Amino acid sequence: MSYIVDDQGKLDNFAIEPKVYVADYPTPTEQRRYALQGALAVAFVSALFFITFAIS
């Protein structure tokens, strides 16, 4: 672990900053996969709400 000693002799620990990069735009295949995942998530949550209201 890296640390810095200041003028008073105290140890200062700082987080290691990750390298910054520009994200790539998703390909059409990835976009379709994200849309499918979103649709499945909405269907799953809707089913949970339906079951919850049906039971109560």
N, C-alpha and C. Protein backbone atom coordinates (compact mmCIF):
# COMPACT_ATOMS: atom_id res chain seq x y z
N MET A 1 0.85 -1.17 0.00
CA MET A 1 0.00 0.00 0.00
C MET A 1 0.90 1.23 0.00
N SER A 2 0.53 2.17 -0.81
CA SER A 2 1.32 3.40 -0.86
C SER A 2 0.77 4.43 0.12
N TYR A 3 1.65 5.21 0.68
CA TYR A 3 1.23 6.26 1.60
C TYR A 3 2.20 7.42 1.50
N ILE A 4 1.77 8.55 2.01
CA ILE A 4 2.57 9.78 1.98
C ILE A 4 2.72 10.26 3.42
N VAL A 5 3.91 10.72 3.76
CA VAL A 5 4.15 11.29 5.08
C VAL A 5 4.15 12.80 4.92
N ASP A 6 3.27 13.48 5.69
CA ASP A 6 3.21 14.94 5.57
C ASP A 6 4.28 15.59 6.44
N ASP A 7 4.25 16.93 6.53
CA ASP A 7 5.28 17.70 7.26
C ASP A 7 5.30 17.39 8.75
N GLN A 8 4.16 17.00 9.31
CA GLN A 8 4.07 16.73 10.74
C GLN A 8 4.38 15.27 11.08
N GLY A 9 4.70 14.48 10.08
CA GLY A 9 5.03 13.08 10.31
C GLY A 9 3.84 12.15 10.30
N LYS A 10 2.65 12.66 9.95
CA LYS A 10 1.45 11.83 9.89
C LYS A 10 1.41 11.08 8.55
N LEU A 11 0.87 9.89 8.60
CA LEU A 11 0.72 9.11 7.38
C LEU A 11 -0.61 9.46 6.73
N ASP A 12 -0.59 9.70 5.44
CA ASP A 12 -1.81 9.98 4.67
C ASP A 12 -1.97 8.88 3.63
N ASN A 13 -3.08 8.17 3.69
CA ASN A 13 -3.39 7.15 2.69
C ASN A 13 -4.37 7.73 1.68
N PHE A 14 -4.06 7.59 0.43
CA PHE A 14 -4.93 8.07 -0.63
C PHE A 14 -5.34 6.90 -1.51
N ALA A 15 -6.55 6.95 -2.03
CA ALA A 15 -7.02 5.90 -2.93
C ALA A 15 -6.24 5.98 -4.24
N ILE A 16 -6.00 4.82 -4.82
CA ILE A 16 -5.34 4.77 -6.13
C ILE A 16 -6.39 5.07 -7.18
N GLU A 17 -6.15 6.08 -7.98
CA GLU A 17 -7.14 6.47 -8.99
C GLU A 17 -6.96 5.62 -10.25
N PRO A 18 -8.04 5.08 -10.77
CA PRO A 18 -7.94 4.28 -12.00
C PRO A 18 -7.70 5.18 -13.20
N LYS A 19 -7.16 4.59 -14.27
CA LYS A 19 -6.96 5.35 -15.49
C LYS A 19 -8.31 5.68 -16.11
N VAL A 20 -8.44 6.87 -16.64
CA VAL A 20 -9.69 7.31 -17.26
C VAL A 20 -9.64 6.95 -18.74
N TYR A 21 -10.75 6.44 -19.24
CA TYR A 21 -10.83 6.10 -20.66
C TYR A 21 -12.22 6.45 -21.17
N VAL A 22 -12.33 6.60 -22.46
CA VAL A 22 -13.60 6.93 -23.09
C VAL A 22 -14.29 5.62 -23.45
N ALA A 23 -15.53 5.47 -23.05
CA ALA A 23 -16.27 4.25 -23.34
C ALA A 23 -16.65 4.20 -24.82
N ASP A 24 -16.66 2.99 -25.36
CA ASP A 24 -17.08 2.80 -26.75
C ASP A 24 -18.59 2.68 -26.81
N TYR A 25 -19.17 3.20 -27.90
CA TYR A 25 -20.61 3.09 -28.09
C TYR A 25 -20.95 1.64 -28.35
N PRO A 26 -22.05 1.12 -27.78
CA PRO A 26 -22.37 -0.30 -27.96
C PRO A 26 -22.71 -0.62 -29.41
N THR A 27 -22.31 -1.81 -29.83
CA THR A 27 -22.61 -2.27 -31.19
C THR A 27 -24.10 -2.58 -31.29
N PRO A 28 -24.61 -2.71 -32.51
CA PRO A 28 -26.04 -3.05 -32.66
C PRO A 28 -26.41 -4.37 -31.97
N THR A 29 -25.51 -5.34 -31.96
CA THR A 29 -25.79 -6.60 -31.27
C THR A 29 -25.91 -6.37 -29.77
N GLU A 30 -25.03 -5.58 -29.21
CA GLU A 30 -25.09 -5.26 -27.78
C GLU A 30 -26.35 -4.46 -27.46
N GLN A 31 -26.74 -3.55 -28.34
CA GLN A 31 -27.95 -2.76 -28.12
C GLN A 31 -29.19 -3.65 -28.07
N ARG A 32 -29.27 -4.65 -28.98
CA ARG A 32 -30.39 -5.59 -28.96
C ARG A 32 -30.39 -6.42 -27.69
N ARG A 33 -29.20 -6.83 -27.24
CA ARG A 33 -29.10 -7.61 -26.01
C ARG A 33 -29.55 -6.78 -24.81
N TYR A 34 -29.15 -5.51 -24.76
CA TYR A 34 -29.57 -4.63 -23.66
C TYR A 34 -31.08 -4.43 -23.68
N ALA A 35 -31.66 -4.28 -24.86
CA ALA A 35 -33.11 -4.10 -24.96
C ALA A 35 -33.83 -5.36 -24.50
N LEU A 36 -33.32 -6.54 -24.86
CA LEU A 36 -33.91 -7.80 -24.43
C LEU A 36 -33.80 -7.95 -22.92
N GLN A 37 -32.66 -7.62 -22.35
CA GLN A 37 -32.49 -7.71 -20.90
C GLN A 37 -33.45 -6.76 -20.18
N GLY A 38 -33.63 -5.56 -20.73
CA GLY A 38 -34.57 -4.61 -20.13
C GLY A 38 -35.99 -5.12 -20.19
N ALA A 39 -36.38 -5.71 -21.32
CA ALA A 39 -37.73 -6.25 -21.47
C ALA A 39 -37.96 -7.41 -20.50
N LEU A 40 -36.96 -8.28 -20.36
CA LEU A 40 -37.09 -9.40 -19.42
C LEU A 40 -37.17 -8.90 -17.98
N ALA A 41 -36.42 -7.87 -17.66
CA ALA A 41 -36.46 -7.31 -16.30
C ALA A 41 -37.83 -6.71 -16.01
N VAL A 42 -38.40 -5.99 -16.98
CA VAL A 42 -39.74 -5.41 -16.79
C VAL A 42 -40.78 -6.51 -16.64
N ALA A 43 -40.66 -7.57 -17.44
CA ALA A 43 -41.61 -8.68 -17.34
C ALA A 43 -41.48 -9.37 -15.99
N PHE A 44 -40.26 -9.56 -15.50
CA PHE A 44 -40.03 -10.22 -14.21
C PHE A 44 -40.61 -9.40 -13.07
N VAL A 45 -40.35 -8.10 -13.06
CA VAL A 45 -40.87 -7.24 -11.99
C VAL A 45 -42.38 -7.15 -12.07
N SER A 46 -42.92 -7.08 -13.27
CA SER A 46 -44.39 -7.05 -13.42
C SER A 46 -45.00 -8.35 -12.89
N ALA A 47 -44.37 -9.48 -13.17
CA ALA A 47 -44.88 -10.76 -12.66
C ALA A 47 -44.81 -10.79 -11.14
N LEU A 48 -43.76 -10.26 -10.57
CA LEU A 48 -43.66 -10.22 -9.11
C LEU A 48 -44.78 -9.38 -8.50
N PHE A 49 -45.05 -8.22 -9.10
CA PHE A 49 -46.14 -7.38 -8.60
C PHE A 49 -47.49 -8.09 -8.75
N PHE A 50 -47.70 -8.74 -9.88
CA PHE A 50 -48.96 -9.45 -10.09
C PHE A 50 -49.13 -10.55 -9.05
N ILE A 51 -48.09 -11.34 -8.80
CA ILE A 51 -48.17 -12.41 -7.82
C ILE A 51 -48.41 -11.84 -6.42
N THR A 52 -47.73 -10.73 -6.12
CA THR A 52 -47.90 -10.11 -4.79
C THR A 52 -49.33 -9.65 -4.58
N PHE A 53 -49.93 -8.99 -5.58
CA PHE A 53 -51.30 -8.52 -5.44
C PHE A 53 -52.29 -9.67 -5.47
N ALA A 54 -51.98 -10.75 -6.20
CA ALA A 54 -52.87 -11.90 -6.26
C ALA A 54 -52.90 -12.63 -4.92
N ILE A 55 -51.77 -12.69 -4.24
CA ILE A 55 -51.70 -13.39 -2.95
C ILE A 55 -52.38 -12.58 -1.86
N SER A 56 -52.20 -11.27 -1.90
CA SER A 56 -52.73 -10.47 -0.78
C SER A 56 -54.21 -10.16 -0.91
